[in-house]
Amino acid sequence: MPNWRDELIDAVKTKAEREAEEAEKHKQRVSEAMTSAEAALKLGVEALTFASERVKEKGKASEVTSSLHAVKFTMQGPEANGGPTTMMISADLDPATAIIKVTYQDAKAREFDFARDRHIASADVEEYLGRRVVELIRAAQKAAPW
């Protein structure tokens, strides 16, 4: 429990000092969260690579491209408007905020904020990516069974 002197020191801080302290705390949270976020993205790469291998076993074109902070799964979908469609799911990690944004087709990106939501586990991102890729493949199968 802080004594009156500690409380006084805290009470007389300027707005700029408070904001600087908060910015430093946020920077520290992001730094700590990056370990979990990077592990989550690694699991996501493994999940999408597994999905791509299963699709290729069936003779369908699919590809996984990954970089340090991003992964993208693409697959040729059914014919539409005179040509094949490309079905896609991607995950991007912003190192400045420790947020992974998962984009599924053209839908709004789902965000996993590891700095703010400490209860998020790496496996949550893997599960989300896995479920979305299953939906993607089921939609492709429904449109043009192979």
N, C-alpha and C. Protein backbone atom coordinates (compact mmCIF):
# COMPACT_ATOMS: atom_id res chain seq x y z
N MET A 1 0.85 -1.18 0.00
CA MET A 1 0.00 0.00 0.00
C MET A 1 0.90 1.24 0.00
N PRO A 2 0.62 2.18 -0.91
CA PRO A 2 1.47 3.36 -0.97
C PRO A 2 1.21 4.30 0.22
N ASN A 3 2.26 4.97 0.64
CA ASN A 3 2.08 5.94 1.73
C ASN A 3 1.69 7.30 1.12
N TRP A 4 1.46 8.28 1.96
CA TRP A 4 0.98 9.56 1.48
C TRP A 4 1.99 10.26 0.58
N ARG A 5 3.26 10.01 0.81
CA ARG A 5 4.30 10.64 -0.03
C ARG A 5 4.24 10.11 -1.46
N ASP A 6 4.08 8.79 -1.60
CA ASP A 6 3.96 8.19 -2.93
C ASP A 6 2.71 8.70 -3.64
N GLU A 7 1.62 8.81 -2.88
CA GLU A 7 0.38 9.31 -3.47
C GLU A 7 0.53 10.77 -3.89
N LEU A 8 1.24 11.57 -3.11
CA LEU A 8 1.47 12.97 -3.45
C LEU A 8 2.31 13.08 -4.72
N ILE A 9 3.35 12.28 -4.80
CA ILE A 9 4.20 12.29 -5.99
C ILE A 9 3.37 11.95 -7.23
N ASP A 10 2.48 10.99 -7.09
CA ASP A 10 1.62 10.60 -8.21
C ASP A 10 0.60 11.69 -8.52
N ALA A 11 0.06 12.35 -7.50
CA ALA A 11 -0.98 13.35 -7.69
C ALA A 11 -0.48 14.61 -8.40
N VAL A 12 0.79 14.96 -8.22
CA VAL A 12 1.30 16.21 -8.80
C VAL A 12 1.90 16.03 -10.19
N LYS A 13 1.85 14.84 -10.73
CA LYS A 13 2.39 14.61 -12.07
C LYS A 13 1.60 15.39 -13.10
N THR A 14 2.31 15.87 -14.10
CA THR A 14 1.64 16.58 -15.18
C THR A 14 1.01 15.58 -16.15
N LYS A 15 0.15 16.09 -17.00
CA LYS A 15 -0.50 15.25 -17.99
C LYS A 15 0.54 14.61 -18.91
N ALA A 16 1.55 15.35 -19.28
CA ALA A 16 2.61 14.83 -20.16
C ALA A 16 3.37 13.69 -19.47
N GLU A 17 3.64 13.84 -18.18
CA GLU A 17 4.33 12.78 -17.44
C GLU A 17 3.48 11.52 -17.38
N ARG A 18 2.18 11.69 -17.13
CA ARG A 18 1.28 10.53 -17.08
C ARG A 18 1.22 9.83 -18.45
N GLU A 19 1.11 10.62 -19.51
CA GLU A 19 1.06 10.04 -20.85
C GLU A 19 2.36 9.33 -21.20
N ALA A 20 3.49 9.90 -20.80
CA ALA A 20 4.79 9.27 -21.07
C ALA A 20 4.90 7.95 -20.32
N GLU A 21 4.44 7.92 -19.06
CA GLU A 21 4.46 6.68 -18.29
C GLU A 21 3.57 5.62 -18.94
N GLU A 22 2.37 6.04 -19.37
CA GLU A 22 1.44 5.12 -20.01
C GLU A 22 2.01 4.59 -21.33
N ALA A 23 2.65 5.47 -22.08
CA ALA A 23 3.27 5.04 -23.34
C ALA A 23 4.38 4.03 -23.08
N GLU A 24 5.15 4.24 -22.04
CA GLU A 24 6.22 3.31 -21.70
C GLU A 24 5.65 1.96 -21.24
N LYS A 25 4.58 2.00 -20.47
CA LYS A 25 3.93 0.75 -20.04
C LYS A 25 3.39 -0.01 -21.25
N HIS A 26 2.77 0.72 -22.19
CA HIS A 26 2.24 0.07 -23.39
C HIS A 26 3.36 -0.53 -24.23
N LYS A 27 4.45 0.19 -24.35
CA LYS A 27 5.61 -0.32 -25.11
C LYS A 27 6.13 -1.61 -24.47
N GLN A 28 6.17 -1.66 -23.15
CA GLN A 28 6.61 -2.85 -22.44
C GLN A 28 5.63 -4.00 -22.65
N ARG A 29 4.31 -3.71 -22.59
CA ARG A 29 3.30 -4.76 -22.83
C ARG A 29 3.42 -5.32 -24.25
N VAL A 30 3.63 -4.44 -25.23
CA VAL A 30 3.78 -4.89 -26.62
C VAL A 30 5.03 -5.75 -26.76
N SER A 31 6.09 -5.34 -26.14
CA SER A 31 7.34 -6.12 -26.19
C SER A 31 7.13 -7.52 -25.63
N GLU A 32 6.46 -7.61 -24.50
CA GLU A 32 6.19 -8.91 -23.88
C GLU A 32 5.21 -9.73 -24.72
N ALA A 33 4.23 -9.06 -25.32
CA ALA A 33 3.21 -9.75 -26.10
C ALA A 33 3.74 -10.27 -27.43
N MET A 34 4.80 -9.67 -27.95
CA MET A 34 5.33 -10.10 -29.25
C MET A 34 5.79 -11.56 -29.22
N THR A 35 6.26 -12.04 -28.09
CA THR A 35 6.66 -13.44 -28.00
C THR A 35 5.48 -14.36 -28.28
N SER A 36 4.36 -14.07 -27.66
CA SER A 36 3.15 -14.88 -27.88
C SER A 36 2.62 -14.70 -29.29
N ALA A 37 2.63 -13.47 -29.78
CA ALA A 37 2.11 -13.20 -31.12
C ALA A 37 2.95 -13.90 -32.19
N GLU A 38 4.26 -13.88 -32.03
CA GLU A 38 5.12 -14.56 -33.00
C GLU A 38 4.92 -16.07 -32.96
N ALA A 39 4.72 -16.61 -31.76
CA ALA A 39 4.43 -18.05 -31.63
C ALA A 39 3.10 -18.38 -32.29
N ALA A 40 2.12 -17.51 -32.12
CA ALA A 40 0.80 -17.72 -32.74
C ALA A 40 0.90 -17.69 -34.26
N LEU A 41 1.67 -16.76 -34.79
CA LEU A 41 1.83 -16.69 -36.25
C LEU A 41 2.56 -17.93 -36.77
N LYS A 42 3.52 -18.43 -36.01
CA LYS A 42 4.24 -19.65 -36.41
C LYS A 42 3.26 -20.82 -36.47
N LEU A 43 2.39 -20.95 -35.47
CA LEU A 43 1.38 -22.00 -35.49
C LEU A 43 0.42 -21.82 -36.67
N GLY A 44 0.12 -20.58 -36.99
CA GLY A 44 -0.74 -20.30 -38.14
C GLY A 44 -0.10 -20.73 -39.44
N VAL A 45 1.20 -20.50 -39.58
CA VAL A 45 1.93 -20.94 -40.78
C VAL A 45 1.85 -22.45 -40.89
N GLU A 46 2.07 -23.14 -39.76
CA GLU A 46 2.00 -24.60 -39.77
C GLU A 46 0.61 -25.10 -40.14
N ALA A 47 -0.43 -24.45 -39.63
CA ALA A 47 -1.81 -24.85 -39.92
C ALA A 47 -2.13 -24.67 -41.41
N LEU A 48 -1.75 -23.53 -41.96
CA LEU A 48 -2.05 -23.28 -43.36
C LEU A 48 -1.20 -24.14 -44.29
N THR A 49 0.02 -24.44 -43.88
CA THR A 49 0.85 -25.35 -44.67
C THR A 49 0.25 -26.75 -44.68
N PHE A 50 -0.24 -27.20 -43.54
CA PHE A 50 -0.90 -28.50 -43.46
C PHE A 50 -2.11 -28.53 -44.40
N ALA A 51 -2.91 -27.48 -44.38
CA ALA A 51 -4.10 -27.41 -45.24
C ALA A 51 -3.69 -27.43 -46.71
N SER A 52 -2.66 -26.69 -47.05
CA SER A 52 -2.20 -26.64 -48.43
C SER A 52 -1.72 -28.01 -48.91
N GLU A 53 -1.01 -28.72 -48.06
CA GLU A 53 -0.54 -30.07 -48.42
C GLU A 53 -1.71 -31.02 -48.65
N ARG A 54 -2.76 -30.94 -47.82
CA ARG A 54 -3.93 -31.81 -47.99
C ARG A 54 -4.65 -31.50 -49.31
N VAL A 55 -4.74 -30.20 -49.63
CA VAL A 55 -5.41 -29.80 -50.87
C VAL A 55 -4.59 -30.27 -52.09
N LYS A 56 -3.28 -30.13 -52.02
CA LYS A 56 -2.42 -30.55 -53.13
C LYS A 56 -2.48 -32.06 -53.34
N GLU A 57 -2.67 -32.82 -52.27
CA GLU A 57 -2.81 -34.28 -52.40
C GLU A 57 -4.00 -34.64 -53.27
N LYS A 58 -5.00 -33.77 -53.32
CA LYS A 58 -6.21 -34.01 -54.12
C LYS A 58 -6.10 -33.41 -55.51
N GLY A 59 -4.92 -32.92 -55.85
CA GLY A 59 -4.69 -32.41 -57.19
C GLY A 59 -5.17 -30.98 -57.42
N LYS A 60 -5.44 -30.25 -56.37
CA LYS A 60 -5.88 -28.87 -56.50
C LYS A 60 -4.73 -27.93 -56.20
N ALA A 61 -4.73 -26.81 -56.90
CA ALA A 61 -3.66 -25.83 -56.71
C ALA A 61 -3.90 -25.02 -55.44
N SER A 62 -2.89 -24.97 -54.60
CA SER A 62 -2.93 -24.11 -53.41
C SER A 62 -1.50 -23.71 -53.09
N GLU A 63 -1.38 -22.62 -52.37
CA GLU A 63 -0.05 -22.11 -52.07
C GLU A 63 -0.07 -21.39 -50.73
N VAL A 64 1.01 -21.53 -49.99
CA VAL A 64 1.20 -20.79 -48.75
C VAL A 64 2.46 -19.96 -48.91
N THR A 65 2.33 -18.67 -48.72
CA THR A 65 3.50 -17.79 -48.75
C THR A 65 3.61 -17.16 -47.37
N SER A 66 4.83 -17.12 -46.86
CA SER A 66 5.01 -16.52 -45.54
C SER A 66 6.27 -15.68 -45.52
N SER A 67 6.22 -14.68 -44.70
CA SER A 67 7.38 -13.83 -44.44
C SER A 67 7.52 -13.72 -42.93
N LEU A 68 8.36 -12.85 -42.48
CA LEU A 68 8.62 -12.75 -41.04
C LEU A 68 7.35 -12.47 -40.24
N HIS A 69 6.49 -11.59 -40.73
CA HIS A 69 5.29 -11.21 -39.97
C HIS A 69 4.00 -11.39 -40.76
N ALA A 70 3.98 -12.30 -41.72
CA ALA A 70 2.76 -12.51 -42.50
C ALA A 70 2.73 -13.91 -43.08
N VAL A 71 1.51 -14.40 -43.30
CA VAL A 71 1.30 -15.69 -43.96
C VAL A 71 0.03 -15.56 -44.79
N LYS A 72 0.04 -16.21 -45.96
CA LYS A 72 -1.12 -16.15 -46.85
C LYS A 72 -1.34 -17.50 -47.50
N PHE A 73 -2.57 -17.99 -47.45
CA PHE A 73 -2.99 -19.23 -48.08
C PHE A 73 -3.89 -18.86 -49.25
N THR A 74 -3.56 -19.34 -50.44
CA THR A 74 -4.41 -19.11 -51.61
C THR A 74 -4.72 -20.44 -52.26
N MET A 75 -5.91 -20.50 -52.85
CA MET A 75 -6.36 -21.71 -53.50
C MET A 75 -7.25 -21.32 -54.67
N GLN A 76 -7.13 -22.05 -55.76
CA GLN A 76 -8.00 -21.80 -56.89
C GLN A 76 -9.39 -22.31 -56.57
N GLY A 77 -10.36 -21.44 -56.68
CA GLY A 77 -11.75 -21.80 -56.40
C GLY A 77 -12.47 -22.16 -57.68
N PRO A 78 -13.77 -22.26 -57.60
CA PRO A 78 -14.58 -22.64 -58.76
C PRO A 78 -14.58 -21.55 -59.84
N GLU A 79 -14.94 -21.95 -61.04
CA GLU A 79 -15.06 -21.01 -62.16
C GLU A 79 -16.17 -20.01 -61.88
N ALA A 80 -15.88 -18.76 -62.14
CA ALA A 80 -16.89 -17.71 -61.99
C ALA A 80 -16.58 -16.60 -62.97
N ASN A 81 -17.58 -16.14 -63.65
CA ASN A 81 -17.42 -15.04 -64.62
C ASN A 81 -16.35 -15.34 -65.67
N GLY A 82 -16.32 -16.56 -66.14
CA GLY A 82 -15.41 -16.92 -67.21
C GLY A 82 -14.02 -17.34 -66.79
N GLY A 83 -13.74 -17.40 -65.52
CA GLY A 83 -12.41 -17.80 -65.08
C GLY A 83 -12.42 -18.28 -63.65
N PRO A 84 -11.35 -18.93 -63.23
CA PRO A 84 -11.30 -19.42 -61.85
C PRO A 84 -11.16 -18.28 -60.85
N THR A 85 -11.73 -18.47 -59.69
CA THR A 85 -11.60 -17.48 -58.63
C THR A 85 -10.46 -17.89 -57.71
N THR A 86 -9.92 -16.94 -57.03
CA THR A 86 -8.88 -17.21 -56.06
C THR A 86 -9.47 -17.03 -54.67
N MET A 87 -9.36 -18.07 -53.87
CA MET A 87 -9.85 -18.01 -52.49
C MET A 87 -8.64 -17.80 -51.59
N MET A 88 -8.79 -16.95 -50.56
CA MET A 88 -7.63 -16.53 -49.79
C MET A 88 -7.95 -16.34 -48.32
N ILE A 89 -6.94 -16.65 -47.50
CA ILE A 89 -6.96 -16.31 -46.07
C ILE A 89 -5.54 -15.87 -45.73
N SER A 90 -5.41 -14.81 -44.94
CA SER A 90 -4.08 -14.33 -44.59
C SER A 90 -4.06 -13.84 -43.14
N ALA A 91 -2.86 -13.83 -42.59
CA ALA A 91 -2.64 -13.31 -41.23
C ALA A 91 -1.42 -12.42 -41.25
N ASP A 92 -1.55 -11.24 -40.69
CA ASP A 92 -0.46 -10.28 -40.65
C ASP A 92 -0.23 -9.81 -39.22
N LEU A 93 1.02 -9.82 -38.79
CA LEU A 93 1.39 -9.38 -37.45
C LEU A 93 2.02 -8.00 -37.53
N ASP A 94 1.47 -7.06 -36.77
CA ASP A 94 2.03 -5.71 -36.69
C ASP A 94 2.97 -5.66 -35.48
N PRO A 95 4.28 -5.60 -35.71
CA PRO A 95 5.22 -5.62 -34.59
C PRO A 95 5.13 -4.39 -33.67
N ALA A 96 4.57 -3.31 -34.15
CA ALA A 96 4.46 -2.10 -33.33
C ALA A 96 3.34 -2.22 -32.29
N THR A 97 2.35 -3.11 -32.56
CA THR A 97 1.20 -3.21 -31.66
C THR A 97 0.95 -4.63 -31.14
N ALA A 98 1.64 -5.62 -31.68
CA ALA A 98 1.43 -7.04 -31.34
C ALA A 98 0.01 -7.49 -31.66
N ILE A 99 -0.52 -6.99 -32.77
CA ILE A 99 -1.86 -7.37 -33.23
C ILE A 99 -1.72 -8.23 -34.49
N ILE A 100 -2.39 -9.39 -34.47
CA ILE A 100 -2.47 -10.22 -35.67
C ILE A 100 -3.83 -9.97 -36.29
N LYS A 101 -3.82 -9.59 -37.57
CA LYS A 101 -5.06 -9.37 -38.32
C LYS A 101 -5.23 -10.53 -39.29
N VAL A 102 -6.33 -11.25 -39.14
CA VAL A 102 -6.64 -12.37 -40.02
C VAL A 102 -7.72 -11.92 -41.00
N THR A 103 -7.41 -12.02 -42.28
CA THR A 103 -8.35 -11.64 -43.33
C THR A 103 -8.81 -12.90 -44.04
N TYR A 104 -10.11 -13.10 -44.09
CA TYR A 104 -10.72 -14.26 -44.72
C TYR A 104 -11.54 -13.77 -45.89
N GLN A 105 -11.11 -14.14 -47.11
CA GLN A 105 -11.76 -13.68 -48.33
C GLN A 105 -11.83 -12.16 -48.30
N ASP A 106 -13.01 -11.58 -48.48
CA ASP A 106 -13.14 -10.13 -48.50
C ASP A 106 -13.78 -9.59 -47.23
N ALA A 107 -13.91 -10.43 -46.21
CA ALA A 107 -14.56 -10.02 -44.96
C ALA A 107 -13.65 -9.08 -44.16
N LYS A 108 -14.26 -8.40 -43.21
CA LYS A 108 -13.51 -7.52 -42.31
C LYS A 108 -12.51 -8.36 -41.52
N ALA A 109 -11.32 -7.83 -41.33
CA ALA A 109 -10.26 -8.56 -40.64
C ALA A 109 -10.61 -8.79 -39.18
N ARG A 110 -10.30 -9.98 -38.69
CA ARG A 110 -10.45 -10.33 -37.26
C ARG A 110 -9.13 -10.03 -36.60
N GLU A 111 -9.14 -9.29 -35.51
CA GLU A 111 -7.91 -8.89 -34.83
C GLU A 111 -7.71 -9.65 -33.54
N PHE A 112 -6.48 -10.07 -33.33
CA PHE A 112 -6.05 -10.68 -32.07
C PHE A 112 -5.01 -9.74 -31.47
N ASP A 113 -5.40 -9.00 -30.42
CA ASP A 113 -4.52 -8.01 -29.80
C ASP A 113 -3.85 -8.64 -28.57
N PHE A 114 -2.63 -9.10 -28.77
CA PHE A 114 -1.91 -9.79 -27.70
C PHE A 114 -1.45 -8.86 -26.59
N ALA A 115 -1.29 -7.56 -26.86
CA ALA A 115 -0.85 -6.63 -25.83
C ALA A 115 -2.01 -6.25 -24.91
N ARG A 116 -3.20 -6.14 -25.45
CA ARG A 116 -4.35 -5.72 -24.65
C ARG A 116 -5.06 -6.91 -24.01
N ASP A 117 -5.26 -7.98 -24.77
CA ASP A 117 -5.99 -9.15 -24.30
C ASP A 117 -5.01 -10.26 -23.92
N ARG A 118 -4.58 -10.26 -22.70
CA ARG A 118 -3.56 -11.22 -22.27
C ARG A 118 -4.07 -12.65 -22.19
N HIS A 119 -5.37 -12.84 -22.28
CA HIS A 119 -5.93 -14.19 -22.20
C HIS A 119 -5.86 -14.93 -23.54
N ILE A 120 -5.50 -14.25 -24.62
CA ILE A 120 -5.41 -14.89 -25.93
C ILE A 120 -4.20 -15.81 -25.94
N ALA A 121 -4.43 -17.04 -26.39
CA ALA A 121 -3.34 -18.02 -26.50
C ALA A 121 -2.95 -18.18 -27.97
N SER A 122 -1.74 -18.63 -28.19
CA SER A 122 -1.28 -18.86 -29.56
C SER A 122 -2.18 -19.85 -30.28
N ALA A 123 -2.66 -20.84 -29.56
CA ALA A 123 -3.52 -21.86 -30.15
C ALA A 123 -4.86 -21.28 -30.62
N ASP A 124 -5.29 -20.15 -30.04
CA ASP A 124 -6.53 -19.52 -30.48
C ASP A 124 -6.43 -19.04 -31.92
N VAL A 125 -5.29 -18.49 -32.27
CA VAL A 125 -5.08 -18.01 -33.64
C VAL A 125 -5.01 -19.19 -34.59
N GLU A 126 -4.29 -20.24 -34.19
CA GLU A 126 -4.20 -21.44 -35.02
C GLU A 126 -5.59 -22.02 -35.25
N GLU A 127 -6.40 -22.12 -34.21
CA GLU A 127 -7.75 -22.66 -34.31
C GLU A 127 -8.60 -21.80 -35.25
N TYR A 128 -8.51 -20.50 -35.10
CA TYR A 128 -9.30 -19.60 -35.96
C TYR A 128 -8.90 -19.76 -37.42
N LEU A 129 -7.60 -19.77 -37.69
CA LEU A 129 -7.13 -19.97 -39.07
C LEU A 129 -7.57 -21.32 -39.61
N GLY A 130 -7.45 -22.35 -38.80
CA GLY A 130 -7.85 -23.68 -39.22
C GLY A 130 -9.33 -23.74 -39.56
N ARG A 131 -10.16 -23.15 -38.73
CA ARG A 131 -11.61 -23.14 -38.98
C ARG A 131 -11.95 -22.37 -40.25
N ARG A 132 -11.28 -21.25 -40.47
CA ARG A 132 -11.56 -20.46 -41.68
C ARG A 132 -11.11 -21.20 -42.94
N VAL A 133 -9.99 -21.90 -42.89
CA VAL A 133 -9.53 -22.63 -44.07
C VAL A 133 -10.46 -23.82 -44.35
N VAL A 134 -11.02 -24.43 -43.31
CA VAL A 134 -12.02 -25.48 -43.51
C VAL A 134 -13.25 -24.90 -44.21
N GLU A 135 -13.71 -23.73 -43.76
CA GLU A 135 -14.85 -23.08 -44.41
C GLU A 135 -14.54 -22.79 -45.88
N LEU A 136 -13.35 -22.31 -46.14
CA LEU A 136 -12.93 -21.98 -47.50
C LEU A 136 -12.97 -23.22 -48.39
N ILE A 137 -12.42 -24.32 -47.90
CA ILE A 137 -12.37 -25.56 -48.69
C ILE A 137 -13.77 -26.14 -48.86
N ARG A 138 -14.60 -26.07 -47.83
CA ARG A 138 -15.99 -26.55 -47.97
C ARG A 138 -16.76 -25.74 -49.00
N ALA A 139 -16.54 -24.45 -49.02
CA ALA A 139 -17.21 -23.60 -50.02
C ALA A 139 -16.74 -23.96 -51.42
N ALA A 140 -15.46 -24.21 -51.58
CA ALA A 140 -14.93 -24.62 -52.89
C ALA A 140 -15.51 -25.97 -53.30
N GLN A 141 -15.58 -26.90 -52.36
CA GLN A 141 -16.14 -28.23 -52.63
C GLN A 141 -17.63 -28.15 -53.01
N LYS A 142 -18.35 -27.29 -52.33
CA LYS A 142 -19.78 -27.13 -52.61
C LYS A 142 -20.02 -26.54 -54.00
N ALA A 143 -19.18 -25.58 -54.37
CA ALA A 143 -19.34 -24.92 -55.66
C ALA A 143 -18.92 -25.82 -56.82
N ALA A 144 -17.85 -26.56 -56.63
CA ALA A 144 -17.35 -27.44 -57.70
C ALA A 144 -16.65 -28.65 -57.04
N PRO A 145 -17.41 -29.70 -56.72
CA PRO A 145 -16.82 -30.86 -56.04
C PRO A 145 -15.66 -31.47 -56.84
N TRP A 146 -14.67 -31.94 -56.13
CA TRP A 146 -13.55 -32.60 -56.79
C TRP A 146 -13.46 -34.04 -56.39
